Amino acid sequence: MLPDIGVFGPYTYLVTEVIWGSIALVLLWRAHALRMAAKTIVVLYPIAYVWDWYTLTVGVFAIKLRTGVDLLGIPIEEHIFMIVVPALILGIHENLHGLSSGSNSE
């Protein structure tokens, strides 16, 4: 049985994003890939935003354990999610494959 992380109430989603975001940041820092990841996230963000806004608007999913703060029509947690997920993926990828080099690394 998984532990009940709902103890954080409306901050549950935010707390999990801070935890995973911290892991992503450490991985990107370790791989010297912060700048490369930032560029990729900036390009992906508008696509993720439209996708997220649409799926929330049509009712594909609902987020129960959130703060209730919305920004530009979607929960603030979703904006953070759209940064954390690609950052974590890129951090894992760069640590496994070490493709950052020269002008793309920090």
C-alpha atoms as a PDB file:
ATOM      1  CA  MET A   1       0.000   0.000   0.000  1.00  0.00           C
ATOM      2  CA  LEU A   2       1.301   3.460  -0.886  1.00  0.00           C
ATOM      3  CA  PRO A   3       1.602   6.109   1.832  1.00  0.00           C
ATOM      4  CA  ASP A   4      -1.143   8.734   1.977  1.00  0.00           C
ATOM      5  CA  ILE A   5       0.492  11.940   0.797  1.00  0.00           C
ATOM      6  CA  GLY A   6      -2.846  13.710   1.058  1.00  0.00           C
ATOM      7  CA  VAL A   7      -1.727  14.892   4.497  1.00  0.00           C
ATOM      8  CA  PHE A   8      -0.550  18.063   2.745  1.00  0.00           C
ATOM      9  CA  GLY A   9      -4.169  18.829   1.861  1.00  0.00           C
ATOM     10  CA  PRO A  10      -4.511  21.452  -0.865  1.00  0.00           C
ATOM     11  CA  TYR A  11      -0.715  21.727  -1.071  1.00  0.00           C
ATOM     12  CA  THR A  12      -0.187  18.048  -1.968  1.00  0.00           C
ATOM     13  CA  TYR A  13       0.372  18.618  -5.696  1.00  0.00           C
ATOM     14  CA  LEU A  14       2.643  21.581  -4.999  1.00  0.00           C
ATOM     15  CA  VAL A  15       4.737  19.641  -2.460  1.00  0.00           C
ATOM     16  CA  THR A  16       5.285  16.745  -4.866  1.00  0.00           C
ATOM     17  CA  GLU A  17       6.332  19.201  -7.581  1.00  0.00           C
ATOM     18  CA  VAL A  18       8.848  20.862  -5.275  1.00  0.00           C
ATOM     19  CA  ILE A  19      10.339  17.465  -4.418  1.00  0.00           C
ATOM     20  CA  TRP A  20      10.565  16.251  -8.028  1.00  0.00           C
ATOM     21  CA  GLY A  21      11.621  19.705  -9.233  1.00  0.00           C
ATOM     22  CA  SER A  22      14.489  19.672  -6.748  1.00  0.00           C
ATOM     23  CA  ILE A  23      15.604  16.286  -8.035  1.00  0.00           C
ATOM     24  CA  ALA A  24      15.412  17.578 -11.620  1.00  0.00           C
ATOM     25  CA  LEU A  25      17.470  20.642 -10.718  1.00  0.00           C
ATOM     26  CA  VAL A  26      20.177  18.540  -9.065  1.00  0.00           C
ATOM     27  CA  LEU A  27      20.331  16.196 -12.064  1.00  0.00           C
ATOM     28  CA  LEU A  28      20.600  19.084 -14.516  1.00  0.00           C
ATOM     29  CA  TRP A  29      23.246  20.789 -12.403  1.00  0.00           C
ATOM     30  CA  ARG A  30      25.222  17.541 -12.109  1.00  0.00           C
ATOM     31  CA  ALA A  31      25.127  17.093 -15.906  1.00  0.00           C
ATOM     32  CA  HIS A  32      26.008  20.757 -16.566  1.00  0.00           C
ATOM     33  CA  ALA A  33      22.799  20.950 -18.600  1.00  0.00           C
ATOM     34  CA  LEU A  34      20.856  23.807 -16.979  1.00  0.00           C
ATOM     35  CA  ARG A  35      21.069  26.171 -19.957  1.00  0.00           C
ATOM     36  CA  MET A  36      20.261  23.459 -22.497  1.00  0.00           C
ATOM     37  CA  ALA A  37      17.263  22.326 -20.462  1.00  0.00           C
ATOM     38  CA  ALA A  38      15.996  25.887 -20.048  1.00  0.00           C
ATOM     39  CA  LYS A  39      16.040  26.414 -23.818  1.00  0.00           C
ATOM     40  CA  THR A  40      14.136  23.182 -24.409  1.00  0.00           C
ATOM     41  CA  ILE A  41      11.564  23.945 -21.716  1.00  0.00           C
ATOM     42  CA  VAL A  42      10.937  27.440 -23.111  1.00  0.00           C
ATOM     43  CA  VAL A  43      10.184  25.917 -26.528  1.00  0.00           C
ATOM     44  CA  LEU A  44       7.959  23.152 -25.110  1.00  0.00           C
ATOM     45  CA  TYR A  45       6.059  25.313 -22.628  1.00  0.00           C
ATOM     46  CA  PRO A  46       3.529  26.953 -25.018  1.00  0.00           C
ATOM     47  CA  ILE A  47       2.621  23.563 -26.497  1.00  0.00           C
ATOM     48  CA  ALA A  48       2.191  22.053 -23.034  1.00  0.00           C
ATOM     49  CA  TYR A  49       0.133  25.044 -21.890  1.00  0.00           C
ATOM     50  CA  VAL A  50      -2.368  24.787 -24.762  1.00  0.00           C
ATOM     51  CA  TRP A  51      -2.620  21.033 -24.330  1.00  0.00           C
ATOM     52  CA  ASP A  52      -3.142  21.348 -20.572  1.00  0.00           C
ATOM     53  CA  TRP A  53      -5.660  24.187 -20.880  1.00  0.00           C
ATOM     54  CA  TYR A  54      -7.679  22.206 -23.423  1.00  0.00           C
ATOM     55  CA  THR A  55      -7.730  18.943 -21.450  1.00  0.00           C
ATOM     56  CA  LEU A  56      -8.785  20.756 -18.274  1.00  0.00           C
ATOM     57  CA  THR A  57     -11.425  22.769 -20.128  1.00  0.00           C
ATOM     58  CA  VAL A  58     -13.076  19.729 -21.714  1.00  0.00           C
ATOM     59  CA  GLY A  59     -12.904  17.782 -18.440  1.00  0.00           C
ATOM     60  CA  VAL A  60     -10.374  15.077 -19.294  1.00  0.00           C
ATOM     61  CA  PHE A  61      -9.090  15.247 -15.729  1.00  0.00           C
ATOM     62  CA  ALA A  62      -9.603  17.153 -12.484  1.00  0.00           C
ATOM     63  CA  ILE A  63      -7.013  18.051  -9.860  1.00  0.00           C
ATOM     64  CA  LYS A  64      -8.337  17.619  -6.316  1.00  0.00           C
ATOM     65  CA  LEU A  65      -5.372  18.237  -4.024  1.00  0.00           C
ATOM     66  CA  ARG A  66      -4.271  21.669  -5.226  1.00  0.00           C
ATOM     67  CA  THR A  67      -4.038  25.204  -3.871  1.00  0.00           C
ATOM     68  CA  GLY A  68      -6.904  26.608  -5.935  1.00  0.00           C
ATOM     69  CA  VAL A  69      -4.689  29.332  -7.410  1.00  0.00           C
ATOM     70  CA  ASP A  70      -5.146  29.677 -11.171  1.00  0.00           C
ATOM     71  CA  LEU A  71      -2.945  31.544 -13.623  1.00  0.00           C
ATOM     72  CA  LEU A  72      -3.999  32.088 -17.242  1.00  0.00           C
ATOM     73  CA  GLY A  73      -6.894  29.670 -16.877  1.00  0.00           C
ATOM     74  CA  ILE A  74      -5.076  26.691 -15.374  1.00  0.00           C
ATOM     75  CA  PRO A  75      -3.892  25.773 -11.869  1.00  0.00           C
ATOM     76  CA  ILE A  76      -0.508  27.173 -10.852  1.00  0.00           C
ATOM     77  CA  GLU A  77       0.567  23.607 -10.129  1.00  0.00           C
ATOM     78  CA  GLU A  78       0.091  22.735 -13.796  1.00  0.00           C
ATOM     79  CA  HIS A  79       2.417  25.537 -14.854  1.00  0.00           C
ATOM     80  CA  ILE A  80       5.057  24.123 -12.504  1.00  0.00           C
ATOM     81  CA  PHE A  81       4.360  20.602 -13.790  1.00  0.00           C
ATOM     82  CA  MET A  82       5.071  21.788 -17.347  1.00  0.00           C
ATOM     83  CA  ILE A  83       8.538  22.858 -16.199  1.00  0.00           C
ATOM     84  CA  VAL A  84       9.336  19.992 -13.818  1.00  0.00           C
ATOM     85  CA  VAL A  85       8.504  17.072 -16.123  1.00  0.00           C
ATOM     86  CA  PRO A  86      10.721  18.036 -19.062  1.00  0.00           C
ATOM     87  CA  ALA A  87      13.454  19.150 -16.631  1.00  0.00           C
ATOM     88  CA  LEU A  88      13.392  15.746 -14.932  1.00  0.00           C
ATOM     89  CA  ILE A  89      13.421  13.877 -18.246  1.00  0.00           C
ATOM     90  CA  LEU A  90      16.292  15.980 -19.570  1.00  0.00           C
ATOM     91  CA  GLY A  91      18.192  15.632 -16.289  1.00  0.00           C
ATOM     92  CA  ILE A  92      17.919  11.856 -16.392  1.00  0.00           C
ATOM     93  CA  HIS A  93      18.824  11.741 -20.085  1.00  0.00           C
ATOM     94  CA  GLU A  94      21.877  13.960 -19.688  1.00  0.00           C
ATOM     95  CA  ASN A  95      23.129  11.975 -16.699  1.00  0.00           C
ATOM     96  CA  LEU A  96      22.746   8.706 -18.598  1.00  0.00           C
ATOM     97  CA  HIS A  97      24.164   9.843 -21.907  1.00  0.00           C
ATOM     98  CA  GLY A  98      26.213  12.966 -21.132  1.00  0.00           C
ATOM     99  CA  LEU A  99      25.405  14.713 -24.398  1.00  0.00           C
ATOM    100  CA  SER A 100      25.876  18.254 -23.113  1.00  0.00           C
ATOM    101  CA  SER A 101      29.080  19.733 -24.372  1.00  0.00           C
ATOM    102  CA  GLY A 102      30.902  23.004 -24.895  1.00  0.00           C
ATOM    103  CA  SER A 103      28.532  25.830 -25.794  1.00  0.00           C
ATOM    104  CA  ASN A 104      25.396  24.045 -24.573  1.00  0.00           C
ATOM    105  CA  SER A 105      26.528  23.480 -21.012  1.00  0.00           C
ATOM    106  CA  GLU A 106      26.933  25.687 -17.989  1.00  0.00           C
END
